[in-house]
Amino acid sequence: AIDTGMNSRAMYRLLRALASVGVFR
């Protein structure tokens, strides 16, 4: 989130969603 200038909590939810379909782990 710091690297991208995004909200930390929102970024976590995005990454969890992507991880659920195999994009990131």
mmCIF file of all heavy atoms, coordinates in Angstrom:
data_MODEL
# 
_entry.id   MODEL 
# 
loop_
_atom_site.group_PDB 
_atom_site.id 
_atom_site.type_symbol 
_atom_site.label_atom_id 
_atom_site.label_alt_id 
_atom_site.label_comp_id 
_atom_site.label_asym_id 
_atom_site.label_entity_id 
_atom_site.label_seq_id 
_atom_site.pdbx_PDB_ins_code 
_atom_site.Cartn_x 
_atom_site.Cartn_y 
_atom_site.Cartn_z 
_atom_site.occupancy 
_atom_site.B_iso_or_equiv 
_atom_site.pdbx_formal_charge 
_atom_site.auth_seq_id 
_atom_site.auth_comp_id 
_atom_site.auth_asym_id 
_atom_site.auth_atom_id 
_atom_site.pdbx_PDB_model_num 
ATOM 1   N N   . ALA A 1 1  ? 0.828   -1.201  0.000   1.00 0.00 ? 1  ALA A N   1 
ATOM 2   C CA  . ALA A 1 1  ? 0.000   0.000   0.000   1.00 0.00 ? 1  ALA A CA  1 
ATOM 3   C C   . ALA A 1 1  ? 0.864   1.254   0.000   1.00 0.00 ? 1  ALA A C   1 
ATOM 4   O O   . ALA A 1 1  ? 0.562   2.232   -0.694  1.00 0.00 ? 1  ALA A O   1 
ATOM 5   C CB  . ALA A 1 1  ? -0.923  -0.011  1.216   1.00 0.00 ? 1  ALA A CB  1 
ATOM 6   N N   . ILE A 1 2  ? 1.944   1.235   0.769   1.00 0.00 ? 2  ILE A N   1 
ATOM 7   C CA  . ILE A 1 2  ? 2.863   2.376   0.797   1.00 0.00 ? 2  ILE A CA  1 
ATOM 8   C C   . ILE A 1 2  ? 3.506   2.561   -0.573  1.00 0.00 ? 2  ILE A C   1 
ATOM 9   O O   . ILE A 1 2  ? 3.615   3.690   -1.090  1.00 0.00 ? 2  ILE A O   1 
ATOM 10  C CB  . ILE A 1 2  ? 3.932   2.174   1.881   1.00 0.00 ? 2  ILE A CB  1 
ATOM 11  C CG1 . ILE A 1 2  ? 3.299   2.232   3.273   1.00 0.00 ? 2  ILE A CG1 1 
ATOM 12  C CG2 . ILE A 1 2  ? 5.038   3.217   1.759   1.00 0.00 ? 2  ILE A CG2 1 
ATOM 13  C CD1 . ILE A 1 2  ? 4.244   1.867   4.400   1.00 0.00 ? 2  ILE A CD1 1 
ATOM 14  N N   . ASP A 1 3  ? 3.913   1.461   -1.199  1.00 0.00 ? 3  ASP A N   1 
ATOM 15  C CA  . ASP A 1 3  ? 4.564   1.531   -2.511  1.00 0.00 ? 3  ASP A CA  1 
ATOM 16  C C   . ASP A 1 3  ? 3.635   2.108   -3.579  1.00 0.00 ? 3  ASP A C   1 
ATOM 17  O O   . ASP A 1 3  ? 4.092   2.757   -4.527  1.00 0.00 ? 3  ASP A O   1 
ATOM 18  C CB  . ASP A 1 3  ? 5.030   0.140   -2.951  1.00 0.00 ? 3  ASP A CB  1 
ATOM 19  C CG  . ASP A 1 3  ? 6.211   -0.369  -2.130  1.00 0.00 ? 3  ASP A CG  1 
ATOM 20  O OD1 . ASP A 1 3  ? 6.892   0.467   -1.501  1.00 0.00 ? 3  ASP A OD1 1 
ATOM 21  O OD2 . ASP A 1 3  ? 6.436   -1.586  -2.126  1.00 0.00 ? 3  ASP A OD2 1 
ATOM 22  N N   . THR A 1 4  ? 2.341   1.850   -3.434  1.00 0.00 ? 4  THR A N   1 
ATOM 23  C CA  . THR A 1 4  ? 1.380   2.265   -4.464  1.00 0.00 ? 4  THR A CA  1 
ATOM 24  C C   . THR A 1 4  ? 0.569   3.497   -4.073  1.00 0.00 ? 4  THR A C   1 
ATOM 25  O O   . THR A 1 4  ? -0.201  4.011   -4.904  1.00 0.00 ? 4  THR A O   1 
ATOM 26  C CB  . THR A 1 4  ? 0.402   1.114   -4.764  1.00 0.00 ? 4  THR A CB  1 
ATOM 27  O OG1 . THR A 1 4  ? -0.254  0.710   -3.542  1.00 0.00 ? 4  THR A OG1 1 
ATOM 28  C CG2 . THR A 1 4  ? 1.128   -0.066  -5.370  1.00 0.00 ? 4  THR A CG2 1 
ATOM 29  N N   . GLY A 1 5  ? 0.707   3.955   -2.836  1.00 0.00 ? 5  GLY A N   1 
ATOM 30  C CA  . GLY A 1 5  ? -0.068  5.105   -2.387  1.00 0.00 ? 5  GLY A CA  1 
ATOM 31  C C   . GLY A 1 5  ? -1.527  4.785   -2.144  1.00 0.00 ? 5  GLY A C   1 
ATOM 32  O O   . GLY A 1 5  ? -2.385  5.669   -2.198  1.00 0.00 ? 5  GLY A O   1 
ATOM 33  N N   . MET A 1 6  ? -1.827  3.522   -1.833  1.00 0.00 ? 6  MET A N   1 
ATOM 34  C CA  . MET A 1 6  ? -3.196  3.085   -1.605  1.00 0.00 ? 6  MET A CA  1 
ATOM 35  C C   . MET A 1 6  ? -3.472  2.919   -0.103  1.00 0.00 ? 6  MET A C   1 
ATOM 36  O O   . MET A 1 6  ? -2.559  2.938   0.717   1.00 0.00 ? 6  MET A O   1 
ATOM 37  C CB  . MET A 1 6  ? -3.460  1.752   -2.321  1.00 0.00 ? 6  MET A CB  1 
ATOM 38  C CG  . MET A 1 6  ? -3.300  1.796   -3.828  1.00 0.00 ? 6  MET A CG  1 
ATOM 39  S SD  . MET A 1 6  ? -4.579  2.767   -4.665  1.00 0.00 ? 6  MET A SD  1 
ATOM 40  C CE  . MET A 1 6  ? -3.597  4.111   -5.340  1.00 0.00 ? 6  MET A CE  1 
ATOM 41  N N   . ASN A 1 7  ? -4.731  2.710   0.226   1.00 0.00 ? 7  ASN A N   1 
ATOM 42  C CA  . ASN A 1 7  ? -5.139  2.450   1.597   1.00 0.00 ? 7  ASN A CA  1 
ATOM 43  C C   . ASN A 1 7  ? -4.718  1.038   2.006   1.00 0.00 ? 7  ASN A C   1 
ATOM 44  O O   . ASN A 1 7  ? -4.968  0.077   1.277   1.00 0.00 ? 7  ASN A O   1 
ATOM 45  C CB  . ASN A 1 7  ? -6.658  2.608   1.721   1.00 0.00 ? 7  ASN A CB  1 
ATOM 46  C CG  . ASN A 1 7  ? -7.185  2.280   3.099   1.00 0.00 ? 7  ASN A CG  1 
ATOM 47  O OD1 . ASN A 1 7  ? -7.460  1.121   3.395   1.00 0.00 ? 7  ASN A OD1 1 
ATOM 48  N ND2 . ASN A 1 7  ? -7.322  3.300   3.926   1.00 0.00 ? 7  ASN A ND2 1 
ATOM 49  N N   . SER A 1 8  ? -4.103  0.905   3.167   1.00 0.00 ? 8  SER A N   1 
ATOM 50  C CA  . SER A 1 8  ? -3.539  -0.386  3.584   1.00 0.00 ? 8  SER A CA  1 
ATOM 51  C C   . SER A 1 8  ? -4.611  -1.462  3.745   1.00 0.00 ? 8  SER A C   1 
ATOM 52  O O   . SER A 1 8  ? -4.450  -2.592  3.272   1.00 0.00 ? 8  SER A O   1 
ATOM 53  C CB  . SER A 1 8  ? -2.769  -0.217  4.897   1.00 0.00 ? 8  SER A CB  1 
ATOM 54  O OG  . SER A 1 8  ? -2.257  -1.457  5.335   1.00 0.00 ? 8  SER A OG  1 
ATOM 55  N N   . ARG A 1 9  ? -5.717  -1.129  4.417   1.00 0.00 ? 9  ARG A N   1 
ATOM 56  C CA  . ARG A 1 9  ? -6.764  -2.123  4.652   1.00 0.00 ? 9  ARG A CA  1 
ATOM 57  C C   . ARG A 1 9  ? -7.411  -2.545  3.334   1.00 0.00 ? 9  ARG A C   1 
ATOM 58  O O   . ARG A 1 9  ? -7.670  -3.732  3.096   1.00 0.00 ? 9  ARG A O   1 
ATOM 59  C CB  . ARG A 1 9  ? -7.808  -1.555  5.606   1.00 0.00 ? 9  ARG A CB  1 
ATOM 60  C CG  . ARG A 1 9  ? -8.917  -2.537  5.978   1.00 0.00 ? 9  ARG A CG  1 
ATOM 61  C CD  . ARG A 1 9  ? -9.827  -1.952  7.054   1.00 0.00 ? 9  ARG A CD  1 
ATOM 62  N NE  . ARG A 1 9  ? -10.924 -2.848  7.358   1.00 0.00 ? 9  ARG A NE  1 
ATOM 63  C CZ  . ARG A 1 9  ? -10.856 -3.894  8.175   1.00 0.00 ? 9  ARG A CZ  1 
ATOM 64  N NH1 . ARG A 1 9  ? -9.708  -4.168  8.775   1.00 0.00 ? 9  ARG A NH1 1 
ATOM 65  N NH2 . ARG A 1 9  ? -11.908 -4.653  8.402   1.00 0.00 ? 9  ARG A NH2 1 
ATOM 66  N N   . ALA A 1 10 ? -7.657  -1.574  2.464   1.00 0.00 ? 10 ALA A N   1 
ATOM 67  C CA  . ALA A 1 10 ? -8.255  -1.891  1.171   1.00 0.00 ? 10 ALA A CA  1 
ATOM 68  C C   . ALA A 1 10 ? -7.302  -2.743  0.325   1.00 0.00 ? 10 ALA A C   1 
ATOM 69  O O   . ALA A 1 10 ? -7.739  -3.671  -0.368  1.00 0.00 ? 10 ALA A O   1 
ATOM 70  C CB  . ALA A 1 10 ? -8.619  -0.603  0.431   1.00 0.00 ? 10 ALA A CB  1 
ATOM 71  N N   . MET A 1 11 ? -6.007  -2.436  0.399   1.00 0.00 ? 11 MET A N   1 
ATOM 72  C CA  . MET A 1 11 ? -5.030  -3.222  -0.347  1.00 0.00 ? 11 MET A CA  1 
ATOM 73  C C   . MET A 1 11 ? -5.012  -4.667  0.134   1.00 0.00 ? 11 MET A C   1 
ATOM 74  O O   . MET A 1 11 ? -4.899  -5.607  -0.666  1.00 0.00 ? 11 MET A O   1 
ATOM 75  C CB  . MET A 1 11 ? -3.644  -2.593  -0.214  1.00 0.00 ? 11 MET A CB  1 
ATOM 76  C CG  . MET A 1 11 ? -2.524  -3.367  -0.917  1.00 0.00 ? 11 MET A CG  1 
ATOM 77  S SD  . MET A 1 11 ? -2.812  -3.604  -2.701  1.00 0.00 ? 11 MET A SD  1 
ATOM 78  C CE  . MET A 1 11 ? -2.701  -1.918  -3.303  1.00 0.00 ? 11 MET A CE  1 
ATOM 79  N N   . TYR A 1 12 ? -5.126  -4.859  1.457   1.00 0.00 ? 12 TYR A N   1 
ATOM 80  C CA  . TYR A 1 12 ? -5.139  -6.225  1.992   1.00 0.00 ? 12 TYR A CA  1 
ATOM 81  C C   . TYR A 1 12 ? -6.325  -7.002  1.433   1.00 0.00 ? 12 TYR A C   1 
ATOM 82  O O   . TYR A 1 12 ? -6.200  -8.165  1.053   1.00 0.00 ? 12 TYR A O   1 
ATOM 83  C CB  . TYR A 1 12 ? -5.189  -6.193  3.515   1.00 0.00 ? 12 TYR A CB  1 
ATOM 84  C CG  . TYR A 1 12 ? -5.219  -7.568  4.142   1.00 0.00 ? 12 TYR A CG  1 
ATOM 85  C CD1 . TYR A 1 12 ? -4.120  -8.426  4.040   1.00 0.00 ? 12 TYR A CD1 1 
ATOM 86  C CD2 . TYR A 1 12 ? -6.354  -8.016  4.818   1.00 0.00 ? 12 TYR A CD2 1 
ATOM 87  C CE1 . TYR A 1 12 ? -4.148  -9.694  4.603   1.00 0.00 ? 12 TYR A CE1 1 
ATOM 88  C CE2 . TYR A 1 12 ? -6.393  -9.286  5.378   1.00 0.00 ? 12 TYR A CE2 1 
ATOM 89  C CZ  . TYR A 1 12 ? -5.287  -10.121 5.266   1.00 0.00 ? 12 TYR A CZ  1 
ATOM 90  O OH  . TYR A 1 12 ? -5.318  -11.378 5.817   1.00 0.00 ? 12 TYR A OH  1 
ATOM 91  N N   . ARG A 1 13 ? -7.471  -6.362  1.358   1.00 0.00 ? 13 ARG A N   1 
ATOM 92  C CA  . ARG A 1 13 ? -8.655  -7.049  0.843   1.00 0.00 ? 13 ARG A CA  1 
ATOM 93  C C   . ARG A 1 13 ? -8.490  -7.375  -0.635  1.00 0.00 ? 13 ARG A C   1 
ATOM 94  O O   . ARG A 1 13 ? -8.907  -8.443  -1.106  1.00 0.00 ? 13 ARG A O   1 
ATOM 95  C CB  . ARG A 1 13 ? -9.901  -6.190  1.085   1.00 0.00 ? 13 ARG A CB  1 
ATOM 96  C CG  . ARG A 1 13 ? -10.257 -6.044  2.560   1.00 0.00 ? 13 ARG A CG  1 
ATOM 97  C CD  . ARG A 1 13 ? -11.433 -5.101  2.764   1.00 0.00 ? 13 ARG A CD  1 
ATOM 98  N NE  . ARG A 1 13 ? -12.661 -5.670  2.254   1.00 0.00 ? 13 ARG A NE  1 
ATOM 99  C CZ  . ARG A 1 13 ? -13.462 -6.495  2.952   1.00 0.00 ? 13 ARG A CZ  1 
ATOM 100 N NH1 . ARG A 1 13 ? -13.132 -6.853  4.180   1.00 0.00 ? 13 ARG A NH1 1 
ATOM 101 N NH2 . ARG A 1 13 ? -14.567 -6.958  2.427   1.00 0.00 ? 13 ARG A NH2 1 
ATOM 102 N N   . LEU A 1 14 ? -7.884  -6.458  -1.399  1.00 0.00 ? 14 LEU A N   1 
ATOM 103 C CA  . LEU A 1 14 ? -7.623  -6.725  -2.813  1.00 0.00 ? 14 LEU A CA  1 
ATOM 104 C C   . LEU A 1 14 ? -6.684  -7.913  -2.974  1.00 0.00 ? 14 LEU A C   1 
ATOM 105 O O   . LEU A 1 14 ? -6.936  -8.818  -3.789  1.00 0.00 ? 14 LEU A O   1 
ATOM 106 C CB  . LEU A 1 14 ? -7.028  -5.493  -3.487  1.00 0.00 ? 14 LEU A CB  1 
ATOM 107 C CG  . LEU A 1 14 ? -6.542  -5.705  -4.933  1.00 0.00 ? 14 LEU A CG  1 
ATOM 108 C CD1 . LEU A 1 14 ? -7.714  -6.017  -5.857  1.00 0.00 ? 14 LEU A CD1 1 
ATOM 109 C CD2 . LEU A 1 14 ? -5.768  -4.497  -5.438  1.00 0.00 ? 14 LEU A CD2 1 
ATOM 110 N N   . LEU A 1 15 ? -5.606  -7.931  -2.205  1.00 0.00 ? 15 LEU A N   1 
ATOM 111 C CA  . LEU A 1 15 ? -4.628  -9.012  -2.315  1.00 0.00 ? 15 LEU A CA  1 
ATOM 112 C C   . LEU A 1 15 ? -5.229  -10.347 -1.889  1.00 0.00 ? 15 LEU A C   1 
ATOM 113 O O   . LEU A 1 15 ? -4.933  -11.389 -2.493  1.00 0.00 ? 15 LEU A O   1 
ATOM 114 C CB  . LEU A 1 15 ? -3.394  -8.681  -1.484  1.00 0.00 ? 15 LEU A CB  1 
ATOM 115 C CG  . LEU A 1 15 ? -2.560  -7.508  -2.010  1.00 0.00 ? 15 LEU A CG  1 
ATOM 116 C CD1 . LEU A 1 15 ? -1.539  -7.063  -0.972  1.00 0.00 ? 15 LEU A CD1 1 
ATOM 117 C CD2 . LEU A 1 15 ? -1.868  -7.866  -3.319  1.00 0.00 ? 15 LEU A CD2 1 
ATOM 118 N N   . ARG A 1 16 ? -6.069  -10.337 -0.864  1.00 0.00 ? 16 ARG A N   1 
ATOM 119 C CA  . ARG A 1 16 ? -6.740  -11.573 -0.443  1.00 0.00 ? 16 ARG A CA  1 
ATOM 120 C C   . ARG A 1 16 ? -7.653  -12.083 -1.557  1.00 0.00 ? 16 ARG A C   1 
ATOM 121 O O   . ARG A 1 16 ? -7.723  -13.289 -1.828  1.00 0.00 ? 16 ARG A O   1 
ATOM 122 C CB  . ARG A 1 16 ? -7.562  -11.331 0.831   1.00 0.00 ? 16 ARG A CB  1 
ATOM 123 C CG  . ARG A 1 16 ? -6.749  -11.283 2.123   1.00 0.00 ? 16 ARG A CG  1 
ATOM 124 C CD  . ARG A 1 16 ? -6.197  -12.635 2.519   1.00 0.00 ? 16 ARG A CD  1 
ATOM 125 N NE  . ARG A 1 16 ? -7.254  -13.619 2.715   1.00 0.00 ? 16 ARG A NE  1 
ATOM 126 C CZ  . ARG A 1 16 ? -7.880  -13.829 3.879   1.00 0.00 ? 16 ARG A CZ  1 
ATOM 127 N NH1 . ARG A 1 16 ? -7.556  -13.090 4.928   1.00 0.00 ? 16 ARG A NH1 1 
ATOM 128 N NH2 . ARG A 1 16 ? -8.807  -14.750 3.978   1.00 0.00 ? 16 ARG A NH2 1 
ATOM 129 N N   . ALA A 1 17 ? -8.362  -11.162 -2.206  1.00 0.00 ? 17 ALA A N   1 
ATOM 130 C CA  . ALA A 1 17 ? -9.248  -11.561 -3.301  1.00 0.00 ? 17 ALA A CA  1 
ATOM 131 C C   . ALA A 1 17 ? -8.446  -12.162 -4.442  1.00 0.00 ? 17 ALA A C   1 
ATOM 132 O O   . ALA A 1 17 ? -8.816  -13.202 -5.010  1.00 0.00 ? 17 ALA A O   1 
ATOM 133 C CB  . ALA A 1 17 ? -10.054 -10.353 -3.784  1.00 0.00 ? 17 ALA A CB  1 
ATOM 134 N N   . LEU A 1 18 ? -7.340  -11.537 -4.785  1.00 0.00 ? 18 LEU A N   1 
ATOM 135 C CA  . LEU A 1 18 ? -6.501  -12.054 -5.868  1.00 0.00 ? 18 LEU A CA  1 
ATOM 136 C C   . LEU A 1 18 ? -5.876  -13.387 -5.493  1.00 0.00 ? 18 LEU A C   1 
ATOM 137 O O   . LEU A 1 18 ? -5.753  -14.287 -6.328  1.00 0.00 ? 18 LEU A O   1 
ATOM 138 C CB  . LEU A 1 18 ? -5.422  -11.030 -6.214  1.00 0.00 ? 18 LEU A CB  1 
ATOM 139 C CG  . LEU A 1 18 ? -5.930  -9.752  -6.899  1.00 0.00 ? 18 LEU A CG  1 
ATOM 140 C CD1 . LEU A 1 18 ? -4.857  -8.679  -6.907  1.00 0.00 ? 18 LEU A CD1 1 
ATOM 141 C CD2 . LEU A 1 18 ? -6.389  -10.060 -8.324  1.00 0.00 ? 18 LEU A CD2 1 
ATOM 142 N N   . ALA A 1 19 ? -5.469  -13.522 -4.239  1.00 0.00 ? 19 ALA A N   1 
ATOM 143 C CA  . ALA A 1 19 ? -4.883  -14.785 -3.780  1.00 0.00 ? 19 ALA A CA  1 
ATOM 144 C C   . ALA A 1 19 ? -5.907  -15.924 -3.838  1.00 0.00 ? 19 ALA A C   1 
ATOM 145 O O   . ALA A 1 19 ? -5.547  -17.085 -4.064  1.00 0.00 ? 19 ALA A O   1 
ATOM 146 C CB  . ALA A 1 19 ? -4.336  -14.626 -2.364  1.00 0.00 ? 19 ALA A CB  1 
ATOM 147 N N   . SER A 1 20 ? -7.179  -15.599 -3.665  1.00 0.00 ? 20 SER A N   1 
ATOM 148 C CA  . SER A 1 20 ? -8.210  -16.640 -3.664  1.00 0.00 ? 20 SER A CA  1 
ATOM 149 C C   . SER A 1 20 ? -8.367  -17.296 -5.029  1.00 0.00 ? 20 SER A C   1 
ATOM 150 O O   . SER A 1 20 ? -8.901  -18.405 -5.132  1.00 0.00 ? 20 SER A O   1 
ATOM 151 C CB  . SER A 1 20 ? -9.552  -16.055 -3.216  1.00 0.00 ? 20 SER A CB  1 
ATOM 152 O OG  . SER A 1 20 ? -10.134 -15.253 -4.238  1.00 0.00 ? 20 SER A OG  1 
ATOM 153 N N   . VAL A 1 21 ? -7.895  -16.619 -6.090  1.00 0.00 ? 21 VAL A N   1 
ATOM 154 C CA  . VAL A 1 21 ? -7.982  -17.199 -7.437  1.00 0.00 ? 21 VAL A CA  1 
ATOM 155 C C   . VAL A 1 21 ? -6.593  -17.483 -8.008  1.00 0.00 ? 21 VAL A C   1 
ATOM 156 O O   . VAL A 1 21 ? -6.440  -17.699 -9.212  1.00 0.00 ? 21 VAL A O   1 
ATOM 157 C CB  . VAL A 1 21 ? -8.770  -16.264 -8.391  1.00 0.00 ? 21 VAL A CB  1 
ATOM 158 C CG1 . VAL A 1 21 ? -10.234 -16.221 -7.995  1.00 0.00 ? 21 VAL A CG1 1 
ATOM 159 C CG2 . VAL A 1 21 ? -8.174  -14.860 -8.417  1.00 0.00 ? 21 VAL A CG2 1 
ATOM 160 N N   . GLY A 1 22 ? -5.584  -17.476 -7.147  1.00 0.00 ? 22 GLY A N   1 
ATOM 161 C CA  . GLY A 1 22 ? -4.251  -17.884 -7.575  1.00 0.00 ? 22 GLY A CA  1 
ATOM 162 C C   . GLY A 1 22 ? -3.355  -16.781 -8.080  1.00 0.00 ? 22 GLY A C   1 
ATOM 163 O O   . GLY A 1 22 ? -2.218  -17.047 -8.494  1.00 0.00 ? 22 GLY A O   1 
ATOM 164 N N   . VAL A 1 23 ? -3.857  -15.545 -8.096  1.00 0.00 ? 23 VAL A N   1 
ATOM 165 C CA  . VAL A 1 23 ? -3.007  -14.412 -8.461  1.00 0.00 ? 23 VAL A CA  1 
ATOM 166 C C   . VAL A 1 23 ? -2.401  -13.888 -7.154  1.00 0.00 ? 23 VAL A C   1 
ATOM 167 O O   . VAL A 1 23 ? -3.095  -13.249 -6.373  1.00 0.00 ? 23 VAL A O   1 
ATOM 168 C CB  . VAL A 1 23 ? -3.804  -13.299 -9.162  1.00 0.00 ? 23 VAL A CB  1 
ATOM 169 C CG1 . VAL A 1 23 ? -2.871  -12.169 -9.605  1.00 0.00 ? 23 VAL A CG1 1 
ATOM 170 C CG2 . VAL A 1 23 ? -4.566  -13.855 -10.354 1.00 0.00 ? 23 VAL A CG2 1 
ATOM 171 N N   . PHE A 1 24 ? -1.144  -14.173 -6.913  1.00 0.00 ? 24 PHE A N   1 
ATOM 172 C CA  . PHE A 1 24 ? -0.435  -13.965 -5.640  1.00 0.00 ? 24 PHE A CA  1 
ATOM 173 C C   . PHE A 1 24 ? -0.814  -15.074 -4.650  1.00 0.00 ? 24 PHE A C   1 
ATOM 174 O O   . PHE A 1 24 ? -1.791  -15.798 -4.843  1.00 0.00 ? 24 PHE A O   1 
ATOM 175 C CB  . PHE A 1 24 ? -0.707  -12.583 -5.031  1.00 0.00 ? 24 PHE A CB  1 
ATOM 176 C CG  . PHE A 1 24 ? -0.369  -11.448 -5.949  1.00 0.00 ? 24 PHE A CG  1 
ATOM 177 C CD1 . PHE A 1 24 ? -1.353  -10.562 -6.393  1.00 0.00 ? 24 PHE A CD1 1 
ATOM 178 C CD2 . PHE A 1 24 ? 0.923   -11.267 -6.395  1.00 0.00 ? 24 PHE A CD2 1 
ATOM 179 C CE1 . PHE A 1 24 ? -1.048  -9.530  -7.258  1.00 0.00 ? 24 PHE A CE1 1 
ATOM 180 C CE2 . PHE A 1 24 ? 1.246   -10.232 -7.267  1.00 0.00 ? 24 PHE A CE2 1 
ATOM 181 C CZ  . PHE A 1 24 ? 0.255   -9.368  -7.693  1.00 0.00 ? 24 PHE A CZ  1 
ATOM 182 N N   . ARG A 1 25 ? 0.007   -15.194 -3.639  1.00 0.00 ? 25 ARG A N   1 
ATOM 183 C CA  . ARG A 1 25 ? -0.186  -16.211 -2.608  1.00 0.00 ? 25 ARG A CA  1 
ATOM 184 C C   . ARG A 1 25 ? 0.074   -15.559 -1.250  1.00 0.00 ? 25 ARG A C   1 
ATOM 185 O O   . ARG A 1 25 ? 1.080   -14.868 -1.067  1.00 0.00 ? 25 ARG A O   1 
ATOM 186 C CB  . ARG A 1 25 ? 0.785   -17.375 -2.823  1.00 0.00 ? 25 ARG A CB  1 
ATOM 187 C CG  . ARG A 1 25 ? 0.626   -18.517 -1.820  1.00 0.00 ? 25 ARG A CG  1 
ATOM 188 C CD  . ARG A 1 25 ? 1.642   -19.611 -2.068  1.00 0.00 ? 25 ARG A CD  1 
ATOM 189 N NE  . ARG A 1 25 ? 1.492   -20.218 -3.390  1.00 0.00 ? 25 ARG A NE  1 
ATOM 190 C CZ  . ARG A 1 25 ? 2.343   -20.051 -4.401  1.00 0.00 ? 25 ARG A CZ  1 
ATOM 191 N NH1 . ARG A 1 25 ? 3.431   -19.300 -4.237  1.00 0.00 ? 25 ARG A NH1 1 
ATOM 192 N NH2 . ARG A 1 25 ? 2.141   -20.624 -5.571  1.00 0.00 ? 25 ARG A NH2 1 
# 
